[in-house]
C-alpha cells in the first residue's frame, strides 16, 4: 500500500508500506522527517503522532491505550490525530495521507 507522508516542512513522500508494517515502521525505515518513535512502537511515548488527512474512515478507532497516549502529544491534538505505531494499512486499499506535526516532544 502507498502512504503519502507530509513532513513538517511540507515535503510529500510517497512510501510503499509492506504488508503487516505500521506507518511508523515505514516512516522510520525510509527516513521520513517528523517521527521520533522513542519507544520503538510500543505505544508508550506519543512521539509518532500524525494527522490522518485522507483515509481516516478506513482505519479502526484508537484502542484504549492509544487514546490515553494521544492525551500526551506535544503538538495540538486534532480529531484526526493518531499514533502511527498503531496504524497498519490494508493492502490494496486507496492510499492514506498523513501529515506530521511540527514537533513530537
C-alpha atoms as a PDB file:
ATOM      1  CA  UNK A   1       0.000   0.000   0.000  1.00  0.00           C
ATOM      2  CA  UNK A   2       1.143   3.534  -0.741  1.00  0.00           C
ATOM      3  CA  UNK A   3       1.137   6.064   2.094  1.00  0.00           C
ATOM      4  CA  UNK A   4       1.765   9.738   1.479  1.00  0.00           C
ATOM      5  CA  UNK A   5       3.646  11.335   4.357  1.00  0.00           C
ATOM      6  CA  UNK A   6       3.709  15.119   4.542  1.00  0.00           C
ATOM      7  CA  UNK A   7       6.758  16.095   6.568  1.00  0.00           C
ATOM      8  CA  UNK A   8       6.672  19.115   8.923  1.00  0.00           C
ATOM      9  CA  UNK A   9       8.346  21.301   6.286  1.00  0.00           C
ATOM     10  CA  UNK A  10       5.728  20.371   3.678  1.00  0.00           C
ATOM     11  CA  UNK A  11       7.704  17.811   1.666  1.00  0.00           C
ATOM     12  CA  UNK A  12       5.469  14.997   0.374  1.00  0.00           C
ATOM     13  CA  UNK A  13       6.945  11.487   0.453  1.00  0.00           C
ATOM     14  CA  UNK A  14       5.169   8.526  -1.125  1.00  0.00           C
ATOM     15  CA  UNK A  15       6.245   5.327   0.616  1.00  0.00           C
ATOM     16  CA  UNK A  16       5.287   1.738  -0.167  1.00  0.00           C
ATOM     17  CA  UNK A  17       4.336   0.197   3.175  1.00  0.00           C
ATOM     18  CA  UNK A  18       4.936  -3.575   3.278  1.00  0.00           C
ATOM     19  CA  UNK A  19       2.014  -5.690   4.441  1.00  0.00           C
ATOM     20  CA  UNK A  20       1.967  -6.040   8.226  1.00  0.00           C
ATOM     21  CA  UNK A  21       4.086  -2.936   8.847  1.00  0.00           C
ATOM     22  CA  UNK A  22       2.886   0.085  10.772  1.00  0.00           C
ATOM     23  CA  UNK A  23       3.110   3.593   9.375  1.00  0.00           C
ATOM     24  CA  UNK A  24       5.781   4.337  11.990  1.00  0.00           C
ATOM     25  CA  UNK A  25       7.939   1.430  10.809  1.00  0.00           C
ATOM     26  CA  UNK A  26       7.666   2.509   7.182  1.00  0.00           C
ATOM     27  CA  UNK A  27       8.424   6.143   8.003  1.00  0.00           C
ATOM     28  CA  UNK A  28      11.486   5.415  10.128  1.00  0.00           C
ATOM     29  CA  UNK A  29      12.826   2.822   7.670  1.00  0.00           C
ATOM     30  CA  UNK A  30      12.598   5.392   4.872  1.00  0.00           C
ATOM     31  CA  UNK A  31      13.977   8.416   6.718  1.00  0.00           C
ATOM     32  CA  UNK A  32      10.726  10.383   6.824  1.00  0.00           C
ATOM     33  CA  UNK A  33      11.271  13.514   8.925  1.00  0.00           C
ATOM     34  CA  UNK A  34       8.950  14.263  11.802  1.00  0.00           C
ATOM     35  CA  UNK A  35       8.607  10.939  13.628  1.00  0.00           C
ATOM     36  CA  UNK A  36      10.837  10.341  16.647  1.00  0.00           C
ATOM     37  CA  UNK A  37       9.419   6.942  17.693  1.00  0.00           C
ATOM     38  CA  UNK A  38      11.253   6.973  21.034  1.00  0.00           C
ATOM     39  CA  UNK A  39       9.516   3.837  22.341  1.00  0.00           C
ATOM     40  CA  UNK A  40      10.049   1.888  19.127  1.00  0.00           C
ATOM     41  CA  UNK A  41       6.372   1.282  18.506  1.00  0.00           C
ATOM     42  CA  UNK A  42       5.123   0.039  21.859  1.00  0.00           C
ATOM     43  CA  UNK A  43       2.522   2.837  22.203  1.00  0.00           C
ATOM     44  CA  UNK A  44       4.271   4.282  25.250  1.00  0.00           C
ATOM     45  CA  UNK A  45       5.558   7.725  24.223  1.00  0.00           C
ATOM     46  CA  UNK A  46       3.320   9.545  21.677  1.00  0.00           C
ATOM     47  CA  UNK A  47       6.343  10.636  19.592  1.00  0.00           C
ATOM     48  CA  UNK A  48       4.925   9.144  16.396  1.00  0.00           C
ATOM     49  CA  UNK A  49       1.854  11.389  16.400  1.00  0.00           C
ATOM     50  CA  UNK A  50       0.351  12.091  12.987  1.00  0.00           C
ATOM     51  CA  UNK A  51      -2.741  13.640  11.459  1.00  0.00           C
ATOM     52  CA  UNK A  52      -4.585  11.332   9.043  1.00  0.00           C
ATOM     53  CA  UNK A  53      -5.534  13.716   6.245  1.00  0.00           C
ATOM     54  CA  UNK A  54      -7.007  11.100   3.885  1.00  0.00           C
ATOM     55  CA  UNK A  55      -8.362   7.652   4.715  1.00  0.00           C
ATOM     56  CA  UNK A  56      -9.257   8.066   8.398  1.00  0.00           C
ATOM     57  CA  UNK A  57     -12.644   6.434   7.817  1.00  0.00           C
ATOM     58  CA  UNK A  58     -10.901   3.210   6.701  1.00  0.00           C
ATOM     59  CA  UNK A  59      -8.956   2.855   9.950  1.00  0.00           C
ATOM     60  CA  UNK A  60     -10.237   1.299  13.164  1.00  0.00           C
ATOM     61  CA  UNK A  61     -10.743   3.782  16.001  1.00  0.00           C
ATOM     62  CA  UNK A  62      -7.977   4.155  18.599  1.00  0.00           C
ATOM     63  CA  UNK A  63      -7.957   1.474  21.269  1.00  0.00           C
ATOM     64  CA  UNK A  64      -7.899   2.474  24.941  1.00  0.00           C
ATOM     65  CA  UNK A  65      -4.087   2.582  25.147  1.00  0.00           C
ATOM     66  CA  UNK A  66      -3.690   4.730  22.030  1.00  0.00           C
ATOM     67  CA  UNK A  67      -6.477   7.069  23.168  1.00  0.00           C
ATOM     68  CA  UNK A  68      -4.695   7.542  26.501  1.00  0.00           C
ATOM     69  CA  UNK A  69      -1.348   8.227  24.804  1.00  0.00           C
ATOM     70  CA  UNK A  70      -2.958  10.766  22.461  1.00  0.00           C
ATOM     71  CA  UNK A  71      -3.599  12.857  25.583  1.00  0.00           C
ATOM     72  CA  UNK A  72       0.202  13.334  25.791  1.00  0.00           C
ATOM     73  CA  UNK A  73       1.058  14.567  22.301  1.00  0.00           C
ATOM     74  CA  UNK A  74       3.339  17.608  22.119  1.00  0.00           C
ATOM     75  CA  UNK A  75       1.650  19.230  19.107  1.00  0.00           C
ATOM     76  CA  UNK A  76      -2.027  20.120  19.087  1.00  0.00           C
ATOM     77  CA  UNK A  77      -4.319  17.104  19.219  1.00  0.00           C
ATOM     78  CA  UNK A  78      -6.945  17.194  16.484  1.00  0.00           C
ATOM     79  CA  UNK A  79      -9.920  14.938  15.654  1.00  0.00           C
ATOM     80  CA  UNK A  80      -7.757  13.150  13.055  1.00  0.00           C
ATOM     81  CA  UNK A  81      -4.780  12.645  15.422  1.00  0.00           C
ATOM     82  CA  UNK A  82      -3.428   9.111  15.617  1.00  0.00           C
ATOM     83  CA  UNK A  83      -0.228   7.348  16.649  1.00  0.00           C
ATOM     84  CA  UNK A  84       1.463   5.960  13.566  1.00  0.00           C
ATOM     85  CA  UNK A  85       2.809   2.980  15.553  1.00  0.00           C
ATOM     86  CA  UNK A  86      -0.775   1.755  15.860  1.00  0.00           C
ATOM     87  CA  UNK A  87      -1.741   2.066  12.192  1.00  0.00           C
ATOM     88  CA  UNK A  88      -1.346  -0.895   9.844  1.00  0.00           C
ATOM     89  CA  UNK A  89      -2.858  -0.037   6.468  1.00  0.00           C
ATOM     90  CA  UNK A  90      -4.777  -2.644   4.473  1.00  0.00           C
ATOM     91  CA  UNK A  91      -3.034  -3.910   1.365  1.00  0.00           C
ATOM     92  CA  UNK A  92      -4.770  -2.873  -1.832  1.00  0.00           C
ATOM     93  CA  UNK A  93      -6.734  -0.027  -0.270  1.00  0.00           C
ATOM     94  CA  UNK A  94      -6.581   3.511  -1.624  1.00  0.00           C
ATOM     95  CA  UNK A  95      -3.550   5.482  -0.417  1.00  0.00           C
ATOM     96  CA  UNK A  96      -3.540   7.027   3.026  1.00  0.00           C
ATOM     97  CA  UNK A  97      -2.207  10.530   3.527  1.00  0.00           C
ATOM     98  CA  UNK A  98      -0.755  11.565   6.878  1.00  0.00           C
ATOM     99  CA  UNK A  99       0.691  14.904   7.928  1.00  0.00           C
ATOM    100  CA  UNK A 100       3.359  15.030  10.610  1.00  0.00           C
ATOM    101  CA  UNK A 101       3.209  17.776  13.246  1.00  0.00           C
ATOM    102  CA  UNK A 102       5.897  20.390  13.692  1.00  0.00           C
ATOM    103  CA  UNK A 103       7.098  18.725  16.899  1.00  0.00           C
ATOM    104  CA  UNK A 104       6.845  15.386  18.690  1.00  0.00           C
ATOM    105  CA  UNK A 105       8.448  16.116  22.050  1.00  0.00           C
END
